[in-house]
């Protein structure tokens, strides 16, 4: 029974640890370590003193804070990179916030929780969380995202309710200072958003500079981690993409990345098929594309996002 009860918490723990760590691989390690520790300490769990979820989240918090002690702050390129056309040298993978599929960090949610859930895993939100000290990060996620009570949060962190409330107040203030401009709430059923994304795919795949320029915001930003590189401005981005020989024959397949629309970019191989190249996250603001992040080195993660291992030239999936 212990194994089944603990395994049922794997999904919620994944969402929690990812928000704290900002890394897919570190999240997997933290969740697995949490479940191992909880299983080994099962005899110590007293259901009369705390809910199982509270007890296990305390273990997960300790695991994550230990992992964060020596870790550097992860970021998005637009938070630290300078605009320019030169790629330069790639930075280590641990420099960047990593993408996660909605299926792993959101799970099943009540309709009233869907918007909060999506917003709380957006790449910009995860990057903003990295500005907080680890314990402040945990307090804010536990209280404002997972809606644990102040008393439960105090039990998880091994502190007092007064300390939790004080840390939450400081965390909210710090987060507000680091919070980026808001993006449109992603709604897969919104016909306008689906039409915009179809136009983006069509313009990208046909190297249509005018078409891309029309759907990009004037202040749009494109980046490509692990390189400290970004482009700013609709016309500049569209011209660069349109002139990129490396994108010839590339295709985009839709998926969901961090509570927002995303794509798997495929490129032609010598065998005539299109093979995974990179995951792309897109943010929309005021009905236009505001930001595109191409995560190089993510080709081995396509299955995790529900994307096929290869495409044939005629395949197409509508938005």
Protein backbone atom coordinates (compact mmCIF):
# COMPACT_ATOMS: atom_id res chain seq x y z
CA UNK A 1 0.00 0.00 0.00
CA UNK A 2 2.84 2.44 0.80
CA UNK A 3 4.26 2.10 -2.69
CA UNK A 4 0.89 2.81 -4.33
CA UNK A 5 0.15 5.80 -2.12
CA UNK A 6 3.56 7.30 -2.71
CA UNK A 7 3.51 6.63 -6.44
CA UNK A 8 0.20 8.52 -6.68
CA UNK A 9 2.11 11.62 -5.53
CA UNK A 10 4.73 11.43 -8.31
CA UNK A 11 2.80 13.85 -10.55
CA UNK A 12 2.22 16.56 -7.92
CA UNK A 13 5.81 16.18 -6.71
CA UNK A 14 7.10 16.64 -10.26
CA UNK A 15 5.24 19.94 -10.59
CA UNK A 16 6.49 21.10 -7.19
CA UNK A 17 10.14 20.15 -7.65
CA UNK A 18 10.24 21.60 -11.16
CA UNK A 19 9.00 24.97 -9.93
CA UNK A 20 11.79 25.01 -7.35
CA UNK A 21 14.59 23.64 -9.54
CA UNK A 22 13.79 24.81 -13.09
CA UNK A 23 15.43 21.68 -14.52
CA UNK A 24 13.81 18.58 -16.01
CA UNK A 25 16.68 16.24 -15.13
CA UNK A 26 17.10 17.63 -11.61
CA UNK A 27 13.35 17.32 -11.09
CA UNK A 28 13.41 13.64 -12.02
CA UNK A 29 16.30 13.06 -9.60
CA UNK A 30 14.58 15.00 -6.80
CA UNK A 31 11.26 13.18 -7.18
CA UNK A 32 12.92 9.79 -7.26
CA UNK A 33 15.04 10.59 -4.20
CA UNK A 34 11.93 11.87 -2.38
CA UNK A 35 10.01 8.66 -3.05
CA UNK A 36 12.97 6.52 -2.00
CA UNK A 37 13.36 8.44 1.27
CA UNK A 38 9.61 8.36 1.95
CA UNK A 39 9.48 4.63 1.34
CA UNK A 40 12.43 3.98 3.63
CA UNK A 41 10.88 6.15 6.38
CA UNK A 42 7.32 4.89 5.92
CA UNK A 43 7.15 3.53 9.47
CA UNK A 44 7.77 7.07 10.74
CA UNK A 45 4.70 8.50 9.02
CA UNK A 46 1.86 9.27 11.43
CA UNK A 47 -1.43 10.05 9.64
CA UNK A 48 -2.73 11.51 12.88
CA UNK A 49 -0.18 14.32 12.74
CA UNK A 50 -0.16 15.28 9.04
CA UNK A 51 -1.59 14.46 5.66
CA UNK A 52 0.57 12.16 3.56
CA UNK A 53 0.97 14.94 0.99
CA UNK A 54 2.27 17.32 3.67
CA UNK A 55 4.72 14.73 4.99
CA UNK A 56 6.05 13.85 1.53
CA UNK A 57 6.33 17.50 0.45
CA UNK A 58 8.50 18.11 3.52
CA UNK A 59 10.87 15.41 2.29
CA UNK A 60 10.79 16.85 -1.25
CA UNK A 61 11.52 20.35 0.04
CA UNK A 62 14.58 19.15 1.93
CA UNK A 63 15.80 17.28 -1.16
CA UNK A 64 15.35 20.31 -3.41
CA UNK A 65 16.92 22.79 -0.98
CA UNK A 66 19.94 20.50 -0.64
CA UNK A 67 20.24 20.42 -4.44
CA UNK A 68 19.96 24.20 -4.65
CA UNK A 69 22.67 24.97 -2.08
CA UNK A 70 25.49 24.83 -4.60
CA UNK A 71 23.41 25.60 -7.70
CA UNK A 72 23.62 28.80 -9.69
CA UNK A 73 20.47 30.65 -10.63
CA UNK A 74 18.91 29.37 -13.83
CA UNK A 75 17.61 31.95 -16.27
CA UNK A 76 16.11 32.61 -19.67
CA UNK A 77 18.38 34.13 -22.31
CA UNK A 78 16.35 37.35 -22.43
CA UNK A 79 17.06 37.86 -18.74
CA UNK A 80 20.84 37.77 -19.09
CA UNK A 81 21.82 37.78 -22.75
CA UNK A 82 22.71 40.77 -24.89
CA UNK A 83 21.09 41.30 -28.27
CA UNK A 84 23.27 40.45 -31.23
CA UNK A 85 23.68 38.16 -34.24
CA UNK A 86 26.72 36.23 -33.02
CA UNK A 87 26.13 32.88 -31.29
CA UNK A 88 29.36 32.80 -29.33
CA UNK A 89 30.12 29.82 -27.12
CA UNK A 90 27.33 27.80 -25.47
CA UNK A 91 26.89 28.10 -21.72
CA UNK A 92 26.58 25.00 -19.52
CA UNK A 93 23.10 23.41 -19.47
CA UNK A 94 22.69 24.28 -15.79
CA UNK A 95 22.64 27.97 -16.74
CA UNK A 96 19.15 27.77 -18.21
CA UNK A 97 15.58 27.08 -17.20
CA UNK A 98 14.54 23.92 -19.05
CA UNK A 99 11.17 23.24 -20.72
CA UNK A 100 8.63 20.77 -19.38
CA UNK A 101 5.49 19.30 -20.99
CA UNK A 102 2.15 20.24 -19.48
CA UNK A 103 1.36 16.57 -18.96
CA UNK A 104 4.16 16.24 -16.40
CA UNK A 105 3.72 19.42 -14.38
CA UNK A 106 -0.01 20.14 -14.53
CA UNK A 107 -1.78 16.78 -14.57
CA UNK A 108 -5.53 16.62 -13.99
CA UNK A 109 -6.96 19.91 -12.74
CA UNK A 110 -10.36 21.31 -11.92
CA UNK A 111 -11.54 23.90 -14.49
CA UNK A 112 -11.14 26.70 -11.94
CA UNK A 113 -7.48 25.77 -11.38
CA UNK A 114 -6.44 25.51 -15.03
CA UNK A 115 -5.43 29.16 -15.53
CA UNK A 116 -3.45 29.33 -12.27
CA UNK A 117 -1.75 26.04 -13.11
CA UNK A 118 -0.67 27.19 -16.57
CA UNK A 119 0.56 30.54 -15.34
CA UNK A 120 2.55 28.92 -12.52
CA UNK A 121 4.65 26.83 -14.94
CA UNK A 122 5.21 29.46 -17.64
CA UNK A 123 8.88 29.79 -18.44
CA UNK A 124 8.88 33.43 -17.38
CA UNK A 125 7.38 32.53 -13.99
CA UNK A 126 9.86 29.70 -13.41
CA UNK A 127 12.72 32.07 -14.30
CA UNK A 128 11.33 34.73 -11.94
CA UNK A 129 11.17 32.17 -9.12
CA UNK A 130 14.91 31.63 -9.52
CA UNK A 131 15.48 35.13 -8.11
CA UNK A 132 14.16 33.96 -4.74
CA UNK A 133 16.19 32.23 -2.05
CA UNK A 134 15.35 28.50 -1.97
CA UNK A 135 13.22 28.62 1.19
CA UNK A 136 11.33 31.70 -0.01
CA UNK A 137 10.78 29.91 -3.32
CA UNK A 138 9.34 26.91 -1.46
CA UNK A 139 7.07 29.08 0.71
CA UNK A 140 5.64 30.94 -2.28
CA UNK A 141 4.98 27.78 -4.30
CA UNK A 142 3.47 25.94 -1.36
CA UNK A 143 1.19 28.81 -0.34
CA UNK A 144 0.29 30.61 -3.58
CA UNK A 145 0.45 27.79 -6.12
CA UNK A 146 -0.27 24.53 -4.29
CA UNK A 147 -2.48 26.27 -1.71
CA UNK A 148 -1.11 24.56 1.38
CA UNK A 149 -2.22 26.30 4.57
CA UNK A 150 0.23 28.42 6.55
CA UNK A 151 0.27 25.74 9.24
CA UNK A 152 1.00 22.96 6.73
CA UNK A 153 3.70 25.05 5.10
CA UNK A 154 5.29 25.64 8.49
CA UNK A 155 5.28 21.87 9.11
CA UNK A 156 6.82 21.21 5.69
CA UNK A 157 9.61 23.74 6.30
CA UNK A 158 10.07 22.94 9.97
CA UNK A 159 9.39 26.50 11.06
CA UNK A 160 6.62 28.67 12.53
CA UNK A 161 3.50 30.13 10.95
CA UNK A 162 4.82 33.62 11.68
CA UNK A 163 8.07 32.83 9.84
CA UNK A 164 6.10 31.43 6.90
CA UNK A 165 3.93 34.54 6.64
CA UNK A 166 6.99 36.80 6.82
CA UNK A 167 8.85 34.78 4.16
CA UNK A 168 5.77 34.78 1.92
CA UNK A 169 5.47 38.55 2.13
CA UNK A 170 9.13 39.00 1.16
CA UNK A 171 8.87 36.40 -1.60
CA UNK A 172 5.84 38.09 -3.15
CA UNK A 173 7.60 41.46 -3.13
CA UNK A 174 10.77 40.03 -4.70
CA UNK A 175 8.78 38.10 -7.30
CA UNK A 176 6.84 41.19 -8.26
CA UNK A 177 10.09 43.06 -8.86
CA UNK A 178 11.38 40.28 -11.15
CA UNK A 179 8.07 39.48 -12.84
CA UNK A 180 8.10 40.08 -16.62
CA UNK A 181 5.29 41.68 -18.60
CA UNK A 182 2.25 39.38 -18.65
CA UNK A 183 1.51 37.15 -21.62
CA UNK A 184 -1.91 36.17 -22.89
CA UNK A 185 -3.46 33.27 -21.04
CA UNK A 186 -3.14 30.23 -23.29
CA UNK A 187 -6.49 28.71 -24.21
CA UNK A 188 -6.28 25.77 -26.67
CA UNK A 189 -9.97 26.31 -27.49
CA UNK A 190 -9.49 29.97 -28.46
CA UNK A 191 -10.05 30.20 -32.22
CA UNK A 192 -8.04 33.42 -32.49
CA UNK A 193 -4.99 31.88 -30.83
CA UNK A 194 -5.22 28.76 -32.98
CA UNK A 195 -5.40 30.90 -36.12
CA UNK A 196 -2.36 32.94 -35.02
CA UNK A 197 -0.34 29.78 -34.38
CA UNK A 198 -1.33 28.32 -37.77
CA UNK A 199 -0.14 31.54 -39.42
CA UNK A 200 3.12 31.29 -37.50
CA UNK A 201 3.70 27.71 -38.64
CA UNK A 202 2.87 28.53 -42.26
CA UNK A 203 5.15 31.59 -42.32
CA UNK A 204 8.03 29.75 -40.60
CA UNK A 205 7.88 26.72 -42.87
CA UNK A 206 7.65 28.82 -46.06
CA UNK A 207 10.29 31.36 -44.97
CA UNK A 208 7.67 34.09 -45.47
CA UNK A 209 9.39 37.19 -44.09
CA UNK A 210 6.36 39.44 -44.58
CA UNK A 211 4.07 36.86 -43.00
CA UNK A 212 6.32 36.45 -39.97
CA UNK A 213 6.73 40.19 -39.56
CA UNK A 214 2.95 40.63 -39.55
CA UNK A 215 2.35 38.23 -36.65
CA UNK A 216 5.36 39.21 -34.51
CA UNK A 217 5.16 42.09 -32.03
CA UNK A 218 7.43 44.99 -32.78
CA UNK A 219 9.31 44.21 -29.55
CA UNK A 220 9.37 40.43 -30.08
CA UNK A 221 12.38 38.50 -28.81
CA UNK A 222 13.89 35.26 -30.12
CA UNK A 223 16.52 33.28 -28.23
CA UNK A 224 18.32 29.96 -28.54
CA UNK A 225 19.78 28.46 -25.35
CA UNK A 226 22.36 27.19 -24.52
CA UNK A 227 23.81 30.13 -26.49
CA UNK A 228 23.82 33.58 -24.90
CA UNK A 229 22.19 35.00 -28.01
CA UNK A 230 18.99 36.77 -28.81
CA UNK A 231 17.37 38.82 -31.54
CA UNK A 232 14.94 41.66 -30.91
CA UNK A 233 12.35 43.21 -33.19
CA UNK A 234 9.81 41.70 -35.57
CA UNK A 235 11.54 42.61 -38.82
CA UNK A 236 14.98 41.52 -37.66
CA UNK A 237 13.73 38.15 -36.41
CA UNK A 238 11.65 37.52 -39.52
CA UNK A 239 14.51 38.40 -41.86
CA UNK A 240 16.95 36.17 -39.98
CA UNK A 241 14.57 33.19 -39.96
CA UNK A 242 13.65 33.73 -43.59
CA UNK A 243 17.29 33.76 -44.68
CA UNK A 244 18.38 30.76 -42.58
CA UNK A 245 19.49 27.98 -44.92
CA UNK A 246 19.60 25.62 -41.95
CA UNK A 247 15.81 25.90 -41.64
CA UNK A 248 15.18 24.80 -45.23
CA UNK A 249 12.55 22.07 -45.27
CA UNK A 250 11.99 22.32 -41.51
CA UNK A 251 8.58 21.52 -40.07
CA UNK A 252 6.83 22.47 -36.86
CA UNK A 253 4.57 20.09 -34.93
CA UNK A 254 2.42 21.52 -32.12
CA UNK A 255 2.79 20.52 -28.49
CA UNK A 256 2.33 22.18 -25.11
CA UNK A 257 5.32 23.58 -23.28
CA UNK A 258 5.13 25.08 -19.79
CA UNK A 259 1.45 25.95 -19.94
CA UNK A 260 1.83 27.69 -23.31
CA UNK A 261 1.88 26.74 -27.00
CA UNK A 262 5.01 25.06 -28.27
CA UNK A 263 6.38 23.11 -31.19
CA UNK A 264 8.77 20.37 -32.04
CA UNK A 265 10.98 21.54 -34.89
CA UNK A 266 11.97 18.78 -37.33
CA UNK A 267 14.66 19.02 -39.99
CA UNK A 268 15.30 16.85 -43.05
CA UNK A 269 17.73 13.95 -42.78
CA UNK A 270 19.62 12.05 -45.45
CA UNK A 271 17.00 9.29 -45.34
CA UNK A 272 14.23 11.55 -46.60
CA UNK A 273 12.50 11.75 -43.22
CA UNK A 274 12.32 14.75 -40.90
CA UNK A 275 14.06 14.21 -37.58
CA UNK A 276 13.74 16.00 -34.21
CA UNK A 277 15.87 19.11 -33.95
CA UNK A 278 14.67 21.32 -31.08
CA UNK A 279 11.72 22.18 -28.90
CA UNK A 280 10.32 25.68 -29.40
CA UNK A 281 8.28 27.60 -26.81
CA UNK A 282 6.10 30.50 -27.92
CA UNK A 283 4.47 33.27 -25.92
CA UNK A 284 1.61 35.43 -27.18
CA UNK A 285 0.76 38.95 -26.11
CA UNK A 286 -2.14 41.05 -27.43
CA UNK A 287 -2.79 38.63 -30.26
CA UNK A 288 0.77 38.53 -31.63
CA UNK A 289 3.86 36.39 -31.06
CA UNK A 290 5.94 38.08 -28.37
CA UNK A 291 8.67 35.55 -27.68
CA UNK A 292 10.18 32.42 -29.20
CA UNK A 293 12.66 30.24 -27.34
CA UNK A 294 14.37 27.47 -29.32
CA UNK A 295 15.87 24.94 -26.89
CA UNK A 296 18.79 23.38 -28.70
CA UNK A 297 19.84 19.92 -27.54
CA UNK A 298 16.29 18.81 -26.73
CA UNK A 299 15.83 16.43 -29.66
CA UNK A 300 15.94 13.40 -27.35
CA UNK A 301 12.98 14.73 -25.34
CA UNK A 302 10.36 14.83 -28.14
CA UNK A 303 8.53 11.70 -26.96
CA UNK A 304 8.13 13.31 -23.53
CA UNK A 305 6.12 16.08 -25.22
CA UNK A 306 3.97 13.64 -27.18
CA UNK A 307 5.84 14.27 -30.43
CA UNK A 308 6.64 11.52 -32.99
CA UNK A 309 10.18 10.25 -33.43
CA UNK A 310 10.23 11.34 -37.08
CA UNK A 311 7.98 12.78 -39.80
CA UNK A 312 7.45 12.06 -43.45
CA UNK A 313 7.25 15.07 -45.74
CA UNK A 314 3.48 14.88 -46.28
CA UNK A 315 2.52 14.58 -42.62
CA UNK A 316 0.69 17.48 -41.07
CA UNK A 317 -1.07 18.05 -37.77
CA UNK A 318 -3.53 20.90 -37.49
CA UNK A 319 -3.56 23.20 -34.45
